Amino acid sequence: MNKEELIKRTAVFAHRCVKLGISLPKSILGKHIQGQLIRCSTSVAANYRAAVLAQSDAAFTAKISIVLEEADESVFWMEFINEEKLIKYDRVEQLLIEANELKAIFYSIRKTMKMKKS
C-alpha cells in the first residue's frame, strides 16, 4: 500500500468513526465516547498526512507513533462501546477490524523506521 492509498484509507476510517460516534446514544456516556472516538479517529488521518510531509525520518517516526497511539485509542473506544452494549456489535465489528489493521500497519512502519535508524 502506498502513501496516497493509506492517506485515503485513514480518511475513510475517520469518516466511518464519525458516523459511528454520531449514532451513539445521547446519554452522558454516549456523548463522552462520541467526542473521544471522533477526536482519536480523525487524529489518525490528520497525523498520518502530517507524517507524510515530515522533514526528517525522526519527525516521521514521531508522527507515526502518534498515529499508532490514536489508532489504538480508537480500538479502545470501540471495544468499550461493545462492552457497554451501546450499539449492536455487528455495526462496530468491521470498523474495529479496520482499526486493528491500521494499528498493525503503523506498528510495522514504526518498527521499520526504528530498524533503519539502527
C-alpha atoms as a PDB file:
ATOM      1  CA  MET A   1       0.000   0.000   0.000  1.00  0.00           C
ATOM      2  CA  ASN A   2       1.480   3.360  -0.985  1.00  0.00           C
ATOM      3  CA  LYS A   3       1.208   6.586   0.996  1.00  0.00           C
ATOM      4  CA  GLU A   4      -1.636   8.011  -1.130  1.00  0.00           C
ATOM      5  CA  GLU A   5      -3.714   4.864  -0.601  1.00  0.00           C
ATOM      6  CA  LEU A   6      -3.008   4.982   3.132  1.00  0.00           C
ATOM      7  CA  ILE A   7      -3.962   8.666   3.281  1.00  0.00           C
ATOM      8  CA  LYS A   8      -7.304   7.766   1.685  1.00  0.00           C
ATOM      9  CA  ARG A   9      -7.762   4.694   3.896  1.00  0.00           C
ATOM     10  CA  THR A  10      -7.191   6.676   7.091  1.00  0.00           C
ATOM     11  CA  ALA A  11      -9.600   9.387   5.911  1.00  0.00           C
ATOM     12  CA  VAL A  12     -12.297   6.804   5.204  1.00  0.00           C
ATOM     13  CA  PHE A  13     -11.641   5.304   8.642  1.00  0.00           C
ATOM     14  CA  ALA A  14     -12.101   8.723  10.256  1.00  0.00           C
ATOM     15  CA  HIS A  15     -15.368   9.339   8.398  1.00  0.00           C
ATOM     16  CA  ARG A  16     -16.718   5.934   9.393  1.00  0.00           C
ATOM     17  CA  CYS A  17     -15.788   6.550  13.039  1.00  0.00           C
ATOM     18  CA  VAL A  18     -17.504   9.934  12.977  1.00  0.00           C
ATOM     19  CA  LYS A  19     -20.665   8.257  11.701  1.00  0.00           C
ATOM     20  CA  LEU A  20     -20.393   5.623  14.429  1.00  0.00           C
ATOM     21  CA  GLY A  21     -19.871   8.308  17.062  1.00  0.00           C
ATOM     22  CA  ILE A  22     -22.878  10.281  15.878  1.00  0.00           C
ATOM     23  CA  SER A  23     -25.044   7.155  16.103  1.00  0.00           C
ATOM     24  CA  LEU A  24     -24.244   6.591  19.796  1.00  0.00           C
ATOM     25  CA  PRO A  25     -26.985   7.152  22.371  1.00  0.00           C
ATOM     26  CA  LYS A  26     -27.410  10.752  23.514  1.00  0.00           C
ATOM     27  CA  SER A  27     -26.672   9.777  27.147  1.00  0.00           C
ATOM     28  CA  ILE A  28     -23.797  11.233  29.171  1.00  0.00           C
ATOM     29  CA  LEU A  29     -21.687   8.161  28.372  1.00  0.00           C
ATOM     30  CA  GLY A  30     -22.659   8.157  24.702  1.00  0.00           C
ATOM     31  CA  LYS A  31     -21.750  11.817  24.291  1.00  0.00           C
ATOM     32  CA  HIS A  32     -18.428  11.308  26.082  1.00  0.00           C
ATOM     33  CA  ILE A  33     -17.455   8.347  23.907  1.00  0.00           C
ATOM     34  CA  GLN A  34     -18.666  10.177  20.811  1.00  0.00           C
ATOM     35  CA  GLY A  35     -16.226  13.016  21.440  1.00  0.00           C
ATOM     36  CA  GLN A  36     -13.346  10.710  22.309  1.00  0.00           C
ATOM     37  CA  LEU A  37     -13.861   8.419  19.298  1.00  0.00           C
ATOM     38  CA  ILE A  38     -14.224  11.307  16.879  1.00  0.00           C
ATOM     39  CA  ARG A  39     -11.108  13.013  18.279  1.00  0.00           C
ATOM     40  CA  CYS A  40      -8.790   9.993  18.158  1.00  0.00           C
ATOM     41  CA  SER A  41     -10.007   8.564  14.837  1.00  0.00           C
ATOM     42  CA  THR A  42      -9.733  11.884  12.996  1.00  0.00           C
ATOM     43  CA  SER A  43      -6.295  12.287  14.571  1.00  0.00           C
ATOM     44  CA  VAL A  44      -5.226   9.053  12.857  1.00  0.00           C
ATOM     45  CA  ALA A  45      -5.969  10.571   9.453  1.00  0.00           C
ATOM     46  CA  ALA A  46      -4.662  14.067  10.204  1.00  0.00           C
ATOM     47  CA  ASN A  47      -1.410  12.919  11.792  1.00  0.00           C
ATOM     48  CA  TYR A  48      -0.700  10.401   9.042  1.00  0.00           C
ATOM     49  CA  ARG A  49      -0.995  13.215   6.482  1.00  0.00           C
ATOM     50  CA  ALA A  50       1.403  15.249   8.627  1.00  0.00           C
ATOM     51  CA  ALA A  51       3.799  12.297   8.824  1.00  0.00           C
ATOM     52  CA  VAL A  52       3.922  12.047   5.045  1.00  0.00           C
ATOM     53  CA  LEU A  53       5.091  15.682   4.938  1.00  0.00           C
ATOM     54  CA  ALA A  54       7.666  15.265   7.719  1.00  0.00           C
ATOM     55  CA  GLN A  55      11.009  16.911   7.054  1.00  0.00           C
ATOM     56  CA  SER A  56      13.119  14.165   8.609  1.00  0.00           C
ATOM     57  CA  ASP A  57      12.993  10.476   9.456  1.00  0.00           C
ATOM     58  CA  ALA A  58      12.867  11.389  13.159  1.00  0.00           C
ATOM     59  CA  ALA A  59       9.852  13.657  12.622  1.00  0.00           C
ATOM     60  CA  PHE A  60       8.172  10.967  10.510  1.00  0.00           C
ATOM     61  CA  THR A  61       8.728   8.329  13.196  1.00  0.00           C
ATOM     62  CA  ALA A  62       7.398  10.650  15.900  1.00  0.00           C
ATOM     63  CA  LYS A  63       4.221  11.339  13.907  1.00  0.00           C
ATOM     64  CA  ILE A  64       3.760   7.638  13.121  1.00  0.00           C
ATOM     65  CA  SER A  65       3.993   6.937  16.855  1.00  0.00           C
ATOM     66  CA  ILE A  66       1.162   9.401  17.438  1.00  0.00           C
ATOM     67  CA  VAL A  67      -0.880   7.781  14.668  1.00  0.00           C
ATOM     68  CA  LEU A  68      -0.327   4.360  16.246  1.00  0.00           C
ATOM     69  CA  GLU A  69      -1.394   5.618  19.681  1.00  0.00           C
ATOM     70  CA  GLU A  70      -4.531   7.239  18.268  1.00  0.00           C
ATOM     71  CA  ALA A  71      -5.440   4.111  16.301  1.00  0.00           C
ATOM     72  CA  ASP A  72      -5.063   2.082  19.489  1.00  0.00           C
ATOM     73  CA  GLU A  73      -7.259   4.548  21.364  1.00  0.00           C
ATOM     74  CA  SER A  74      -9.876   4.182  18.615  1.00  0.00           C
ATOM     75  CA  VAL A  75      -9.794   0.424  19.214  1.00  0.00           C
ATOM     76  CA  PHE A  76     -10.239   1.037  22.944  1.00  0.00           C
ATOM     77  CA  TRP A  77     -13.356   3.170  22.462  1.00  0.00           C
ATOM     78  CA  MET A  78     -14.921   0.709  20.014  1.00  0.00           C
ATOM     79  CA  GLU A  79     -14.272  -2.146  22.429  1.00  0.00           C
ATOM     80  CA  PHE A  80     -15.798  -0.016  25.200  1.00  0.00           C
ATOM     81  CA  ILE A  81     -18.879   0.590  23.047  1.00  0.00           C
ATOM     82  CA  ASN A  82     -19.215  -3.182  22.643  1.00  0.00           C
ATOM     83  CA  GLU A  83     -18.633  -3.922  26.320  1.00  0.00           C
ATOM     84  CA  GLU A  84     -21.285  -1.387  27.331  1.00  0.00           C
ATOM     85  CA  LYS A  85     -23.597  -2.681  24.583  1.00  0.00           C
ATOM     86  CA  LEU A  86     -24.260   0.855  23.363  1.00  0.00           C
ATOM     87  CA  ILE A  87     -24.646  -0.300  19.757  1.00  0.00           C
ATOM     88  CA  LYS A  88     -25.125  -3.751  18.254  1.00  0.00           C
ATOM     89  CA  TYR A  89     -21.765  -5.427  17.697  1.00  0.00           C
ATOM     90  CA  ASP A  90     -22.392  -6.031  14.007  1.00  0.00           C
ATOM     91  CA  ARG A  91     -22.411  -2.218  13.491  1.00  0.00           C
ATOM     92  CA  VAL A  92     -18.962  -1.911  15.072  1.00  0.00           C
ATOM     93  CA  GLU A  93     -17.286  -5.166  14.011  1.00  0.00           C
ATOM     94  CA  GLN A  94     -15.902  -4.218  10.575  1.00  0.00           C
ATOM     95  CA  LEU A  95     -14.707  -0.829  11.807  1.00  0.00           C
ATOM     96  CA  LEU A  96     -12.957  -2.485  14.742  1.00  0.00           C
ATOM     97  CA  ILE A  97     -11.243  -4.878  12.326  1.00  0.00           C
ATOM     98  CA  GLU A  98     -10.123  -1.898  10.232  1.00  0.00           C
ATOM     99  CA  ALA A  99      -8.787  -0.105  13.325  1.00  0.00           C
ATOM    100  CA  ASN A 100      -6.743  -3.158  14.275  1.00  0.00           C
ATOM    101  CA  GLU A 101      -5.411  -3.489  10.718  1.00  0.00           C
ATOM    102  CA  LEU A 102      -4.368   0.169  10.741  1.00  0.00           C
ATOM    103  CA  LYS A 103      -2.670  -0.363  14.099  1.00  0.00           C
ATOM    104  CA  ALA A 104      -0.701  -3.256  12.630  1.00  0.00           C
ATOM    105  CA  ILE A 105       0.306  -1.202   9.589  1.00  0.00           C
ATOM    106  CA  PHE A 106       1.513   1.733  11.670  1.00  0.00           C
ATOM    107  CA  TYR A 107       3.282  -0.525  14.138  1.00  0.00           C
ATOM    108  CA  SER A 108       5.121  -2.140  11.230  1.00  0.00           C
ATOM    109  CA  ILE A 109       6.052   1.249   9.755  1.00  0.00           C
ATOM    110  CA  ARG A 110       7.390   2.444  13.102  1.00  0.00           C
ATOM    111  CA  LYS A 111       9.344  -0.777  13.603  1.00  0.00           C
ATOM    112  CA  THR A 112      10.883  -0.442  10.142  1.00  0.00           C
ATOM    113  CA  MET A 113      11.877   3.169  10.843  1.00  0.00           C
ATOM    114  CA  LYS A 114      13.498   2.205  14.135  1.00  0.00           C
ATOM    115  CA  MET A 115      15.425  -0.607  12.423  1.00  0.00           C
ATOM    116  CA  LYS A 116      16.522   1.821   9.692  1.00  0.00           C
ATOM    117  CA  LYS A 117      17.878   4.144  12.386  1.00  0.00           C
ATOM    118  CA  SER A 118      19.979   1.358  13.965  1.00  0.00           C
END
